[in-house]
């Protein structure tokens, strides 16, 4: 037997009364078999499956310890949202990120750009130094983007974060949410910001003329 962690979002979460469940299946069972084990009635059309944060076909075999996400269609269609996530030591191209998140189905883009300020309290900030557990950070950013897309009906999401040295005035993080309507895009972007600060393993050091200090992501 295999024990898998099942994640549910948006309408599926409401239907189940929970966003998470633990299910036992025969090892090697197709991921599509999860639906019947949840006891939620008839499977709605357009459901997509992800195993360990990657989209898979319904016949993908399951193994013990897998995380399975059942992803409902985004609002207004069955196409999976386009998700872009990146960490980069190079300056972020804000216009390019907006262009990547553009979509003819959408009526709104909401974006957040976090920049490095040149002063904190009484200290002049010379630079920030970002350190990341990169593999985990990319996985976590992808999970956050996918959940935001499912919960808010987004058609595209782009999240980019700097690593290494970032100077005052430069962008350290850019988030772009694209949706059919403005309220969804705004709400998704705000939610992504808060989730990023809470759970993505990226740390920053503020460097001053007379020293430095590690500070929280929310600072």
N, C-alpha and C. Protein backbone atom coordinates (compact mmCIF):
# COMPACT_ATOMS: atom_id res chain seq x y z
N UNK A 1 0.83 -1.20 0.00
CA UNK A 1 0.00 0.00 0.00
C UNK A 1 0.88 1.26 0.00
N UNK A 2 0.29 2.34 -0.45
CA UNK A 2 0.98 3.62 -0.46
C UNK A 2 0.08 4.67 0.19
N UNK A 3 0.68 5.49 1.04
CA UNK A 3 -0.05 6.60 1.67
C UNK A 3 0.33 7.88 0.95
N UNK A 4 -0.68 8.61 0.45
CA UNK A 4 -0.42 9.84 -0.27
C UNK A 4 -1.16 10.99 0.41
N UNK A 5 -0.55 12.17 0.33
CA UNK A 5 -1.13 13.40 0.87
C UNK A 5 -1.88 14.09 -0.26
N UNK A 6 -3.17 14.32 -0.08
CA UNK A 6 -4.01 14.90 -1.13
C UNK A 6 -4.30 16.35 -0.80
N UNK A 7 -4.09 17.24 -1.78
CA UNK A 7 -4.39 18.66 -1.64
C UNK A 7 -5.59 19.01 -2.51
N UNK A 8 -6.51 19.82 -1.96
CA UNK A 8 -7.71 20.24 -2.67
C UNK A 8 -7.80 21.76 -2.62
N UNK A 9 -8.29 22.37 -3.71
CA UNK A 9 -8.33 23.82 -3.80
C UNK A 9 -9.69 24.31 -4.28
N UNK A 10 -9.96 25.58 -3.96
CA UNK A 10 -11.13 26.30 -4.46
C UNK A 10 -12.41 25.51 -4.21
N UNK A 11 -13.23 25.28 -5.25
CA UNK A 11 -14.50 24.60 -5.08
C UNK A 11 -14.36 23.19 -4.57
N UNK A 12 -13.29 22.51 -4.94
CA UNK A 12 -13.06 21.14 -4.44
C UNK A 12 -12.81 21.15 -2.93
N UNK A 13 -12.08 22.15 -2.46
CA UNK A 13 -11.83 22.26 -1.03
C UNK A 13 -13.14 22.47 -0.27
N UNK A 14 -13.99 23.34 -0.81
CA UNK A 14 -15.27 23.59 -0.16
C UNK A 14 -16.15 22.35 -0.18
N UNK A 15 -16.13 21.63 -1.26
CA UNK A 15 -16.93 20.41 -1.40
C UNK A 15 -16.51 19.35 -0.39
N UNK A 16 -15.21 19.24 -0.17
CA UNK A 16 -14.69 18.24 0.76
C UNK A 16 -14.72 18.71 2.21
N UNK A 17 -14.81 20.02 2.42
CA UNK A 17 -14.77 20.56 3.77
C UNK A 17 -13.38 20.61 4.35
N UNK A 18 -12.37 20.38 3.53
CA UNK A 18 -10.98 20.42 3.96
C UNK A 18 -10.09 20.60 2.75
N UNK A 19 -8.92 21.17 2.95
CA UNK A 19 -7.97 21.32 1.86
C UNK A 19 -6.93 20.23 1.81
N UNK A 20 -7.01 19.29 2.74
CA UNK A 20 -5.95 18.29 2.83
C UNK A 20 -6.53 16.97 3.36
N UNK A 21 -6.05 15.86 2.81
CA UNK A 21 -6.49 14.55 3.28
C UNK A 21 -5.36 13.55 3.06
N UNK A 22 -5.34 12.52 3.88
CA UNK A 22 -4.38 11.43 3.72
C UNK A 22 -5.15 10.20 3.23
N UNK A 23 -4.68 9.59 2.14
CA UNK A 23 -5.41 8.49 1.50
C UNK A 23 -4.45 7.33 1.27
N UNK A 24 -4.94 6.10 1.47
CA UNK A 24 -4.16 4.90 1.18
C UNK A 24 -4.64 4.27 -0.12
N UNK A 25 -3.69 3.97 -0.99
CA UNK A 25 -4.00 3.34 -2.28
C UNK A 25 -3.00 2.20 -2.51
N UNK A 26 -3.32 1.35 -3.46
CA UNK A 26 -2.35 0.35 -3.88
C UNK A 26 -1.19 1.05 -4.58
N UNK A 27 0.03 0.71 -4.21
CA UNK A 27 1.19 1.31 -4.87
C UNK A 27 1.10 1.05 -6.37
N UNK A 28 1.36 2.07 -7.14
CA UNK A 28 1.28 1.96 -8.59
C UNK A 28 -0.08 2.29 -9.17
N UNK A 29 -1.07 2.57 -8.30
CA UNK A 29 -2.40 2.94 -8.79
C UNK A 29 -2.32 4.26 -9.56
N UNK A 30 -3.17 4.45 -10.57
CA UNK A 30 -3.16 5.72 -11.29
C UNK A 30 -3.66 6.85 -10.41
N UNK A 31 -3.12 8.04 -10.62
CA UNK A 31 -3.49 9.17 -9.79
C UNK A 31 -4.99 9.47 -9.88
N UNK A 32 -5.62 9.17 -11.01
CA UNK A 32 -7.05 9.43 -11.17
C UNK A 32 -7.90 8.60 -10.22
N UNK A 33 -7.33 7.51 -9.67
CA UNK A 33 -8.08 6.68 -8.72
C UNK A 33 -8.34 7.40 -7.41
N UNK A 34 -7.61 8.46 -7.14
CA UNK A 34 -7.77 9.20 -5.88
C UNK A 34 -9.19 9.74 -5.74
N UNK A 35 -9.78 10.19 -6.84
CA UNK A 35 -11.09 10.84 -6.74
C UNK A 35 -12.12 9.93 -6.08
N UNK A 36 -12.22 8.69 -6.54
CA UNK A 36 -13.22 7.77 -5.98
C UNK A 36 -12.98 7.52 -4.50
N UNK A 37 -11.73 7.53 -4.08
CA UNK A 37 -11.42 7.26 -2.67
C UNK A 37 -11.82 8.42 -1.76
N UNK A 38 -12.01 9.60 -2.33
CA UNK A 38 -12.39 10.76 -1.52
C UNK A 38 -13.87 10.78 -1.19
N UNK A 39 -14.68 10.02 -1.93
CA UNK A 39 -16.11 9.95 -1.63
C UNK A 39 -16.85 11.26 -1.84
N UNK A 40 -16.50 11.97 -2.90
CA UNK A 40 -17.10 13.29 -3.15
C UNK A 40 -18.12 13.27 -4.27
N UNK A 41 -18.56 12.09 -4.67
CA UNK A 41 -19.55 11.99 -5.73
C UNK A 41 -18.91 12.00 -7.11
N UNK A 42 -19.69 12.47 -8.08
CA UNK A 42 -19.23 12.46 -9.47
C UNK A 42 -18.09 13.45 -9.66
N UNK A 43 -17.07 13.01 -10.38
CA UNK A 43 -15.91 13.87 -10.62
C UNK A 43 -16.27 14.95 -11.63
N UNK A 44 -16.07 16.23 -11.30
CA UNK A 44 -16.39 17.29 -12.25
C UNK A 44 -15.45 17.28 -13.45
N UNK A 45 -15.91 17.75 -14.60
CA UNK A 45 -15.05 17.76 -15.78
C UNK A 45 -13.91 18.77 -15.63
N UNK A 46 -12.82 18.47 -16.32
CA UNK A 46 -11.71 19.43 -16.38
C UNK A 46 -10.73 19.36 -15.24
N UNK A 47 -10.86 18.36 -14.33
CA UNK A 47 -9.93 18.25 -13.22
C UNK A 47 -8.53 17.91 -13.74
N UNK A 48 -7.52 18.60 -13.22
CA UNK A 48 -6.13 18.29 -13.55
C UNK A 48 -5.46 17.70 -12.30
N UNK A 49 -4.42 16.90 -12.54
CA UNK A 49 -3.71 16.25 -11.44
C UNK A 49 -2.26 16.71 -11.42
N UNK A 50 -1.75 16.93 -10.23
CA UNK A 50 -0.33 17.23 -10.05
C UNK A 50 0.22 16.29 -8.99
N UNK A 51 1.38 15.75 -9.23
CA UNK A 51 2.05 14.88 -8.25
C UNK A 51 3.40 15.51 -7.93
N UNK A 52 3.59 15.77 -6.64
CA UNK A 52 4.83 16.40 -6.18
C UNK A 52 5.11 17.69 -6.96
N UNK A 53 4.02 18.49 -7.11
CA UNK A 53 4.07 19.85 -7.67
C UNK A 53 4.34 19.90 -9.16
N UNK A 54 4.05 18.82 -9.88
CA UNK A 54 4.20 18.82 -11.34
C UNK A 54 2.96 18.20 -11.96
N UNK A 55 2.43 18.81 -13.01
CA UNK A 55 1.26 18.26 -13.68
C UNK A 55 1.59 16.89 -14.28
N UNK A 56 0.63 15.95 -14.16
CA UNK A 56 0.81 14.60 -14.69
C UNK A 56 -0.47 14.17 -15.39
N UNK A 57 -0.37 13.09 -16.18
CA UNK A 57 -1.53 12.50 -16.82
C UNK A 57 -2.32 11.68 -15.79
N UNK A 58 -3.62 11.45 -16.05
CA UNK A 58 -4.44 10.69 -15.08
C UNK A 58 -3.94 9.29 -14.78
N UNK A 59 -3.16 8.69 -15.70
CA UNK A 59 -2.67 7.32 -15.47
C UNK A 59 -1.31 7.29 -14.78
N UNK A 60 -0.83 8.43 -14.31
CA UNK A 60 0.47 8.47 -13.62
C UNK A 60 0.44 7.58 -12.38
N UNK A 61 1.41 6.66 -12.21
CA UNK A 61 1.40 5.76 -11.05
C UNK A 61 1.82 6.45 -9.77
N UNK A 62 1.15 6.07 -8.69
CA UNK A 62 1.43 6.68 -7.39
C UNK A 62 2.41 5.85 -6.58
N UNK A 63 3.19 6.53 -5.75
CA UNK A 63 4.14 5.88 -4.85
C UNK A 63 3.91 6.40 -3.44
N UNK A 64 4.37 5.64 -2.47
CA UNK A 64 4.22 6.03 -1.07
C UNK A 64 4.89 7.39 -0.82
N UNK A 65 4.15 8.27 -0.13
CA UNK A 65 4.70 9.57 0.20
C UNK A 65 4.43 10.65 -0.83
N UNK A 66 3.80 10.31 -1.95
CA UNK A 66 3.51 11.32 -2.96
C UNK A 66 2.55 12.38 -2.42
N UNK A 67 2.70 13.61 -2.90
CA UNK A 67 1.71 14.66 -2.67
C UNK A 67 0.93 14.82 -3.96
N UNK A 68 -0.39 14.65 -3.85
CA UNK A 68 -1.27 14.73 -5.01
C UNK A 68 -2.15 15.96 -4.88
N UNK A 69 -2.17 16.80 -5.90
CA UNK A 69 -3.07 17.96 -5.91
C UNK A 69 -4.12 17.74 -6.98
N UNK A 70 -5.39 17.90 -6.59
CA UNK A 70 -6.49 17.88 -7.53
C UNK A 70 -6.84 19.33 -7.84
N UNK A 71 -6.61 19.73 -9.07
CA UNK A 71 -6.68 21.14 -9.44
C UNK A 71 -7.90 21.36 -10.32
N UNK A 72 -8.88 22.12 -9.82
CA UNK A 72 -10.07 22.39 -10.63
C UNK A 72 -9.75 23.35 -11.76
N UNK A 73 -10.61 23.38 -12.79
CA UNK A 73 -10.39 24.35 -13.87
C UNK A 73 -10.41 25.76 -13.34
N UNK A 74 -9.62 26.64 -13.97
CA UNK A 74 -9.69 28.04 -13.60
C UNK A 74 -11.01 28.60 -14.07
N UNK A 75 -11.43 29.69 -13.45
CA UNK A 75 -12.73 30.27 -13.75
C UNK A 75 -12.87 30.59 -15.22
N UNK A 76 -13.94 30.07 -15.83
CA UNK A 76 -14.24 30.41 -17.21
C UNK A 76 -13.64 29.47 -18.22
N UNK A 77 -12.91 28.44 -17.82
CA UNK A 77 -12.35 27.55 -18.81
C UNK A 77 -11.58 26.42 -18.17
N UNK A 78 -11.20 25.45 -18.99
CA UNK A 78 -10.50 24.28 -18.48
C UNK A 78 -9.01 24.33 -18.73
N UNK A 79 -8.50 25.39 -19.37
CA UNK A 79 -7.07 25.50 -19.62
C UNK A 79 -6.33 25.73 -18.31
N UNK A 80 -5.22 25.02 -18.14
CA UNK A 80 -4.42 25.22 -16.94
C UNK A 80 -3.78 26.61 -16.99
N UNK A 81 -3.66 27.27 -15.85
CA UNK A 81 -3.02 28.59 -15.83
C UNK A 81 -1.54 28.48 -16.18
N UNK A 82 -1.01 29.52 -16.78
CA UNK A 82 0.42 29.57 -17.08
C UNK A 82 1.14 30.12 -15.86
N UNK A 83 2.12 29.38 -15.39
CA UNK A 83 2.83 29.74 -14.17
C UNK A 83 4.32 29.86 -14.48
N UNK A 84 4.90 30.99 -14.12
CA UNK A 84 6.33 31.19 -14.27
C UNK A 84 6.95 31.56 -12.94
N UNK A 85 7.99 30.83 -12.56
CA UNK A 85 8.68 31.06 -11.28
C UNK A 85 10.17 31.04 -11.55
N UNK A 86 10.88 32.02 -10.99
CA UNK A 86 12.33 32.01 -11.20
C UNK A 86 13.06 32.73 -10.05
N UNK A 87 14.25 32.25 -9.77
CA UNK A 87 15.21 32.95 -8.92
C UNK A 87 16.36 33.36 -9.80
N UNK A 88 16.86 34.58 -9.60
CA UNK A 88 17.90 35.06 -10.50
C UNK A 88 18.89 35.96 -9.76
N UNK A 89 20.19 35.80 -10.03
CA UNK A 89 21.17 36.74 -9.49
C UNK A 89 21.25 38.01 -10.31
N UNK A 90 20.56 38.03 -11.45
CA UNK A 90 20.61 39.17 -12.36
C UNK A 90 19.42 40.11 -12.13
N UNK A 91 19.54 41.38 -12.54
CA UNK A 91 18.42 42.31 -12.40
C UNK A 91 17.15 41.76 -13.05
N UNK A 92 16.00 42.04 -12.42
CA UNK A 92 14.73 41.54 -12.92
C UNK A 92 14.21 42.46 -14.02
N UNK A 93 13.75 41.86 -15.11
CA UNK A 93 13.18 42.62 -16.22
C UNK A 93 11.67 42.71 -15.99
N UNK A 94 11.23 43.82 -15.41
CA UNK A 94 9.83 43.96 -15.00
C UNK A 94 8.91 43.94 -16.22
N UNK A 95 9.30 44.63 -17.29
CA UNK A 95 8.46 44.66 -18.49
C UNK A 95 8.30 43.27 -19.08
N UNK A 96 9.37 42.48 -19.06
CA UNK A 96 9.30 41.12 -19.60
C UNK A 96 8.37 40.25 -18.77
N UNK A 97 8.39 40.42 -17.45
CA UNK A 97 7.51 39.63 -16.59
C UNK A 97 6.05 39.98 -16.85
N UNK A 98 5.76 41.26 -17.04
CA UNK A 98 4.40 41.67 -17.39
C UNK A 98 3.99 41.05 -18.73
N UNK A 99 4.90 41.06 -19.69
CA UNK A 99 4.59 40.51 -21.01
C UNK A 99 4.34 39.01 -20.93
N UNK A 100 5.13 38.31 -20.12
CA UNK A 100 4.95 36.87 -19.97
C UNK A 100 3.60 36.53 -19.35
N UNK A 101 3.12 37.39 -18.46
CA UNK A 101 1.86 37.14 -17.79
C UNK A 101 0.66 37.66 -18.57
N UNK A 102 0.90 38.33 -19.69
CA UNK A 102 -0.21 38.86 -20.48
C UNK A 102 -0.98 37.71 -21.12
N UNK A 103 -2.30 37.90 -21.27
CA UNK A 103 -3.13 36.84 -21.82
C UNK A 103 -4.38 37.47 -22.42
N UNK A 104 -4.74 37.11 -23.65
CA UNK A 104 -5.90 37.74 -24.29
C UNK A 104 -7.23 37.43 -23.61
N UNK A 105 -7.27 36.39 -22.77
CA UNK A 105 -8.50 36.07 -22.04
C UNK A 105 -8.73 36.99 -20.86
N UNK A 106 -7.71 37.75 -20.47
CA UNK A 106 -7.74 38.49 -19.20
C UNK A 106 -8.13 39.94 -19.40
N UNK A 107 -8.71 40.49 -18.33
CA UNK A 107 -9.05 41.90 -18.32
C UNK A 107 -8.27 42.70 -17.31
N UNK A 108 -7.37 42.02 -16.57
CA UNK A 108 -6.65 42.74 -15.51
C UNK A 108 -5.32 42.06 -15.22
N UNK A 109 -4.33 42.89 -14.94
CA UNK A 109 -3.07 42.45 -14.35
C UNK A 109 -2.85 43.26 -13.08
N UNK A 110 -2.49 42.59 -12.02
CA UNK A 110 -2.12 43.27 -10.78
C UNK A 110 -0.70 42.85 -10.43
N UNK A 111 0.15 43.83 -10.17
CA UNK A 111 1.57 43.52 -9.96
C UNK A 111 2.08 44.18 -8.69
N UNK A 112 3.06 43.52 -8.10
CA UNK A 112 3.78 44.07 -6.96
C UNK A 112 5.27 43.99 -7.27
N UNK A 113 5.97 45.10 -7.08
CA UNK A 113 7.41 45.12 -7.22
C UNK A 113 8.01 45.58 -5.90
N UNK A 114 8.79 44.72 -5.28
CA UNK A 114 9.49 45.07 -4.06
C UNK A 114 10.88 45.59 -4.39
N UNK A 115 11.22 46.77 -3.90
CA UNK A 115 12.52 47.36 -4.20
C UNK A 115 13.33 47.55 -2.91
N UNK A 116 14.62 47.68 -3.07
CA UNK A 116 15.52 47.85 -1.93
C UNK A 116 15.55 49.33 -1.55
N UNK A 117 15.23 49.63 -0.29
CA UNK A 117 15.29 51.02 0.18
C UNK A 117 16.71 51.31 0.67
N UNK A 118 17.05 52.60 0.64
CA UNK A 118 18.44 52.98 0.97
C UNK A 118 18.64 53.35 2.43
N UNK A 119 17.58 53.20 3.23
CA UNK A 119 17.73 53.56 4.65
C UNK A 119 16.76 52.75 5.49
N UNK A 120 17.23 52.25 6.62
CA UNK A 120 16.40 51.58 7.61
C UNK A 120 16.67 52.22 8.96
N UNK A 121 15.65 52.88 9.51
CA UNK A 121 15.87 53.59 10.76
C UNK A 121 16.93 54.65 10.60
N UNK A 122 17.97 54.57 11.41
CA UNK A 122 19.07 55.54 11.34
C UNK A 122 20.23 55.04 10.49
N UNK A 123 20.07 53.86 9.86
CA UNK A 123 21.18 53.27 9.11
C UNK A 123 21.00 53.48 7.61
N UNK A 124 22.08 53.88 6.95
CA UNK A 124 22.11 53.91 5.49
C UNK A 124 22.39 52.50 4.98
N UNK A 125 21.55 52.02 4.10
CA UNK A 125 21.70 50.66 3.55
C UNK A 125 22.54 50.73 2.28
N UNK A 126 23.65 50.00 2.26
CA UNK A 126 24.52 49.96 1.08
C UNK A 126 24.01 48.94 0.06
N UNK A 127 23.50 47.81 0.57
CA UNK A 127 23.02 46.76 -0.32
C UNK A 127 22.28 45.70 0.50
N UNK A 128 21.53 44.87 -0.16
CA UNK A 128 20.97 43.66 0.44
C UNK A 128 21.67 42.45 -0.17
N UNK A 129 21.85 41.42 0.63
CA UNK A 129 22.40 40.16 0.14
C UNK A 129 21.38 39.07 0.42
N UNK A 130 20.85 38.47 -0.66
CA UNK A 130 19.83 37.44 -0.54
C UNK A 130 20.46 36.05 -0.66
N UNK A 131 20.05 35.19 0.25
CA UNK A 131 20.47 33.79 0.21
C UNK A 131 19.22 32.92 0.16
N UNK A 132 19.23 31.87 -0.66
CA UNK A 132 18.04 31.03 -0.81
C UNK A 132 18.43 29.56 -0.79
N UNK A 133 17.54 28.76 -0.24
CA UNK A 133 17.58 27.31 -0.45
C UNK A 133 16.84 27.12 -1.77
N UNK A 134 17.58 27.21 -2.88
CA UNK A 134 16.97 27.46 -4.18
C UNK A 134 15.99 26.38 -4.62
N UNK A 135 16.36 25.11 -4.46
CA UNK A 135 15.46 24.06 -4.93
C UNK A 135 14.12 24.10 -4.18
N UNK A 136 14.19 24.25 -2.87
CA UNK A 136 12.96 24.30 -2.09
C UNK A 136 12.20 25.59 -2.35
N UNK A 137 12.91 26.69 -2.52
CA UNK A 137 12.25 27.97 -2.78
C UNK A 137 11.46 27.93 -4.08
N UNK A 138 12.03 27.34 -5.12
CA UNK A 138 11.31 27.24 -6.40
C UNK A 138 10.07 26.37 -6.24
N UNK A 139 10.20 25.25 -5.54
CA UNK A 139 9.03 24.39 -5.31
C UNK A 139 7.94 25.13 -4.54
N UNK A 140 8.35 25.86 -3.52
CA UNK A 140 7.36 26.56 -2.69
C UNK A 140 6.71 27.71 -3.46
N UNK A 141 7.48 28.44 -4.24
CA UNK A 141 6.91 29.49 -5.07
C UNK A 141 5.94 28.92 -6.10
N UNK A 142 6.27 27.77 -6.66
CA UNK A 142 5.38 27.13 -7.63
C UNK A 142 4.08 26.70 -6.96
N UNK A 143 4.19 26.14 -5.75
CA UNK A 143 2.99 25.74 -5.02
C UNK A 143 2.11 26.95 -4.73
N UNK A 144 2.72 28.04 -4.28
CA UNK A 144 1.97 29.25 -3.96
C UNK A 144 1.28 29.79 -5.22
N UNK A 145 2.01 29.82 -6.33
CA UNK A 145 1.43 30.32 -7.58
C UNK A 145 0.25 29.47 -8.03
N UNK A 146 0.41 28.15 -7.93
CA UNK A 146 -0.67 27.25 -8.35
C UNK A 146 -1.90 27.40 -7.47
N UNK A 147 -1.68 27.55 -6.16
CA UNK A 147 -2.82 27.72 -5.27
C UNK A 147 -3.52 29.06 -5.52
N UNK A 148 -2.74 30.11 -5.75
CA UNK A 148 -3.33 31.42 -6.06
C UNK A 148 -4.15 31.34 -7.33
N UNK A 149 -3.63 30.65 -8.35
CA UNK A 149 -4.35 30.51 -9.61
C UNK A 149 -5.66 29.76 -9.42
N UNK A 150 -5.61 28.69 -8.62
CA UNK A 150 -6.83 27.90 -8.39
C UNK A 150 -7.85 28.66 -7.57
N UNK A 151 -7.40 29.33 -6.52
CA UNK A 151 -8.33 30.00 -5.60
C UNK A 151 -8.93 31.27 -6.20
N UNK A 152 -8.18 31.94 -7.09
CA UNK A 152 -8.62 33.24 -7.59
C UNK A 152 -8.95 33.23 -9.09
N UNK A 153 -8.90 32.06 -9.71
CA UNK A 153 -9.26 31.99 -11.11
C UNK A 153 -8.30 32.72 -12.03
N UNK A 154 -7.02 32.66 -11.75
CA UNK A 154 -6.03 33.36 -12.58
C UNK A 154 -5.78 32.58 -13.87
N UNK A 155 -5.41 33.31 -14.90
CA UNK A 155 -5.00 32.65 -16.14
C UNK A 155 -3.49 32.62 -16.28
N UNK A 156 -2.79 33.46 -15.53
CA UNK A 156 -1.32 33.45 -15.57
C UNK A 156 -0.78 34.07 -14.29
N UNK A 157 0.39 33.57 -13.87
CA UNK A 157 1.08 34.09 -12.70
C UNK A 157 2.58 34.10 -13.01
N UNK A 158 3.25 35.17 -12.66
CA UNK A 158 4.71 35.24 -12.75
C UNK A 158 5.25 35.70 -11.40
N UNK A 159 6.23 34.96 -10.88
CA UNK A 159 6.91 35.35 -9.64
C UNK A 159 8.41 35.26 -9.90
N UNK A 160 9.11 36.35 -9.66
CA UNK A 160 10.57 36.35 -9.83
C UNK A 160 11.20 36.99 -8.60
N UNK A 161 12.29 36.40 -8.12
CA UNK A 161 12.97 36.90 -6.92
C UNK A 161 14.46 36.91 -7.17
N UNK A 162 15.11 37.98 -6.72
CA UNK A 162 16.56 38.08 -6.82
C UNK A 162 17.25 37.21 -5.79
N UNK A 163 18.45 36.80 -6.12
CA UNK A 163 19.38 36.22 -5.17
C UNK A 163 20.68 37.02 -5.26
N UNK A 164 21.55 36.82 -4.27
CA UNK A 164 22.81 37.55 -4.30
C UNK A 164 22.66 39.00 -3.91
N UNK A 165 23.50 39.87 -4.46
CA UNK A 165 23.55 41.28 -4.08
C UNK A 165 22.54 42.11 -4.87
N UNK A 166 21.75 42.91 -4.13
CA UNK A 166 20.77 43.80 -4.75
C UNK A 166 20.97 45.20 -4.16
N UNK A 167 21.10 46.20 -5.02
CA UNK A 167 21.42 47.56 -4.59
C UNK A 167 20.16 48.38 -4.36
N UNK A 168 20.26 49.44 -3.56
CA UNK A 168 19.10 50.32 -3.36
C UNK A 168 18.52 50.81 -4.69
N UNK A 169 17.19 50.78 -4.77
CA UNK A 169 16.51 51.18 -5.98
C UNK A 169 16.24 50.04 -6.94
N UNK A 170 16.93 48.92 -6.77
CA UNK A 170 16.70 47.78 -7.64
C UNK A 170 15.55 46.93 -7.12
N UNK A 171 14.89 46.21 -8.04
CA UNK A 171 13.80 45.31 -7.67
C UNK A 171 14.36 44.01 -7.11
N UNK A 172 13.80 43.60 -5.97
CA UNK A 172 14.21 42.32 -5.39
C UNK A 172 13.17 41.23 -5.65
N UNK A 173 11.90 41.61 -5.86
CA UNK A 173 10.86 40.63 -6.13
C UNK A 173 9.79 41.28 -7.00
N UNK A 174 9.28 40.51 -7.95
CA UNK A 174 8.19 40.96 -8.82
C UNK A 174 7.14 39.87 -8.87
N UNK A 175 5.88 40.24 -8.65
CA UNK A 175 4.75 39.32 -8.73
C UNK A 175 3.73 39.92 -9.69
N UNK A 176 3.29 39.14 -10.66
CA UNK A 176 2.26 39.58 -11.59
C UNK A 176 1.15 38.53 -11.65
N UNK A 177 -0.07 38.94 -11.33
CA UNK A 177 -1.24 38.06 -11.40
C UNK A 177 -2.16 38.56 -12.51
N UNK A 178 -2.56 37.65 -13.38
CA UNK A 178 -3.43 38.00 -14.50
C UNK A 178 -4.74 37.25 -14.37
N UNK A 179 -5.84 38.00 -14.44
CA UNK A 179 -7.17 37.41 -14.26
C UNK A 179 -8.16 38.08 -15.20
N UNK A 180 -9.33 37.51 -15.27
CA UNK A 180 -10.37 38.10 -16.11
C UNK A 180 -10.90 39.40 -15.52
N UNK A 181 -10.84 39.52 -14.20
CA UNK A 181 -11.40 40.69 -13.54
C UNK A 181 -10.44 41.23 -12.48
N UNK A 182 -10.50 42.54 -12.25
CA UNK A 182 -9.57 43.24 -11.37
C UNK A 182 -9.55 42.73 -9.93
N UNK A 183 -10.72 42.50 -9.28
CA UNK A 183 -10.66 42.07 -7.87
C UNK A 183 -9.87 40.79 -7.65
N UNK A 184 -10.02 39.83 -8.58
CA UNK A 184 -9.29 38.56 -8.44
C UNK A 184 -7.79 38.78 -8.57
N UNK A 185 -7.37 39.60 -9.53
CA UNK A 185 -5.94 39.84 -9.73
C UNK A 185 -5.33 40.55 -8.52
N UNK A 186 -6.05 41.54 -7.98
CA UNK A 186 -5.54 42.26 -6.81
C UNK A 186 -5.44 41.36 -5.59
N UNK A 187 -6.50 40.58 -5.35
CA UNK A 187 -6.51 39.71 -4.17
C UNK A 187 -5.42 38.64 -4.27
N UNK A 188 -5.23 38.08 -5.45
CA UNK A 188 -4.21 37.04 -5.63
C UNK A 188 -2.81 37.59 -5.37
N UNK A 189 -2.54 38.78 -5.90
CA UNK A 189 -1.21 39.36 -5.71
C UNK A 189 -0.92 39.61 -4.24
N UNK A 190 -1.89 40.16 -3.52
CA UNK A 190 -1.71 40.40 -2.08
C UNK A 190 -1.48 39.10 -1.33
N UNK A 191 -2.24 38.07 -1.68
CA UNK A 191 -2.10 36.77 -1.00
C UNK A 191 -0.72 36.17 -1.27
N UNK A 192 -0.27 36.27 -2.52
CA UNK A 192 1.04 35.71 -2.86
C UNK A 192 2.15 36.41 -2.07
N UNK A 193 2.06 37.72 -1.94
CA UNK A 193 3.08 38.46 -1.18
C UNK A 193 3.17 37.92 0.24
N UNK A 194 2.01 37.77 0.89
CA UNK A 194 2.02 37.32 2.29
C UNK A 194 2.53 35.89 2.41
N UNK A 195 2.16 35.03 1.47
CA UNK A 195 2.63 33.65 1.53
C UNK A 195 4.13 33.57 1.29
N UNK A 196 4.63 34.38 0.37
CA UNK A 196 6.06 34.39 0.08
C UNK A 196 6.85 34.75 1.34
N UNK A 197 6.39 35.77 2.05
CA UNK A 197 7.09 36.21 3.26
C UNK A 197 7.04 35.15 4.35
N UNK A 198 5.96 34.34 4.35
CA UNK A 198 5.75 33.40 5.46
C UNK A 198 6.49 32.07 5.28
N UNK A 199 6.65 31.61 4.02
CA UNK A 199 7.08 30.22 3.89
C UNK A 199 8.20 29.94 2.90
N UNK A 200 8.59 30.91 2.09
CA UNK A 200 9.63 30.62 1.09
C UNK A 200 11.01 30.81 1.72
N UNK A 201 11.88 29.80 1.62
CA UNK A 201 13.20 29.88 2.29
C UNK A 201 14.19 30.78 1.56
N UNK A 202 13.97 32.08 1.72
CA UNK A 202 14.88 33.11 1.20
C UNK A 202 15.17 34.06 2.36
N UNK A 203 16.43 34.37 2.57
CA UNK A 203 16.83 35.23 3.67
C UNK A 203 17.58 36.43 3.11
N UNK A 204 17.57 37.54 3.87
CA UNK A 204 18.29 38.72 3.38
C UNK A 204 19.11 39.34 4.50
N UNK A 205 20.27 39.85 4.10
CA UNK A 205 21.16 40.57 5.01
C UNK A 205 21.22 42.03 4.55
N UNK A 206 20.94 42.94 5.48
CA UNK A 206 21.14 44.35 5.20
C UNK A 206 22.57 44.72 5.55
N UNK A 207 23.24 45.34 4.60
CA UNK A 207 24.64 45.71 4.80
C UNK A 207 24.74 47.23 4.92
N UNK A 208 25.39 47.68 6.02
CA UNK A 208 25.58 49.10 6.29
C UNK A 208 27.08 49.42 6.24
N UNK A 209 27.43 50.68 6.36
CA UNK A 209 28.83 51.07 6.34
C UNK A 209 29.60 50.49 7.51
N UNK A 210 28.90 50.28 8.65
CA UNK A 210 29.59 49.82 9.86
C UNK A 210 29.12 48.45 10.33
N UNK A 211 28.55 47.65 9.43
CA UNK A 211 28.13 46.31 9.83
C UNK A 211 26.99 45.80 8.97
N UNK A 212 26.35 44.73 9.45
CA UNK A 212 25.25 44.14 8.71
C UNK A 212 24.38 43.36 9.69
N UNK A 213 23.16 43.02 9.22
CA UNK A 213 22.25 42.24 10.03
C UNK A 213 21.32 41.45 9.14
N UNK A 214 21.02 40.21 9.56
CA UNK A 214 20.01 39.41 8.87
C UNK A 214 18.65 39.88 9.32
N UNK A 215 17.75 40.11 8.37
CA UNK A 215 16.42 40.62 8.70
C UNK A 215 15.36 39.72 8.10
N UNK A 216 14.14 39.80 8.66
CA UNK A 216 13.05 38.96 8.18
C UNK A 216 12.55 39.40 6.82
N UNK A 217 11.92 38.46 6.11
CA UNK A 217 11.41 38.74 4.78
C UNK A 217 10.36 39.86 4.81
N UNK A 218 9.65 39.99 5.92
CA UNK A 218 8.59 40.99 5.96
C UNK A 218 9.08 42.40 6.23
N UNK A 219 10.36 42.57 6.44
CA UNK A 219 10.88 43.88 6.82
C UNK A 219 11.01 44.81 5.62
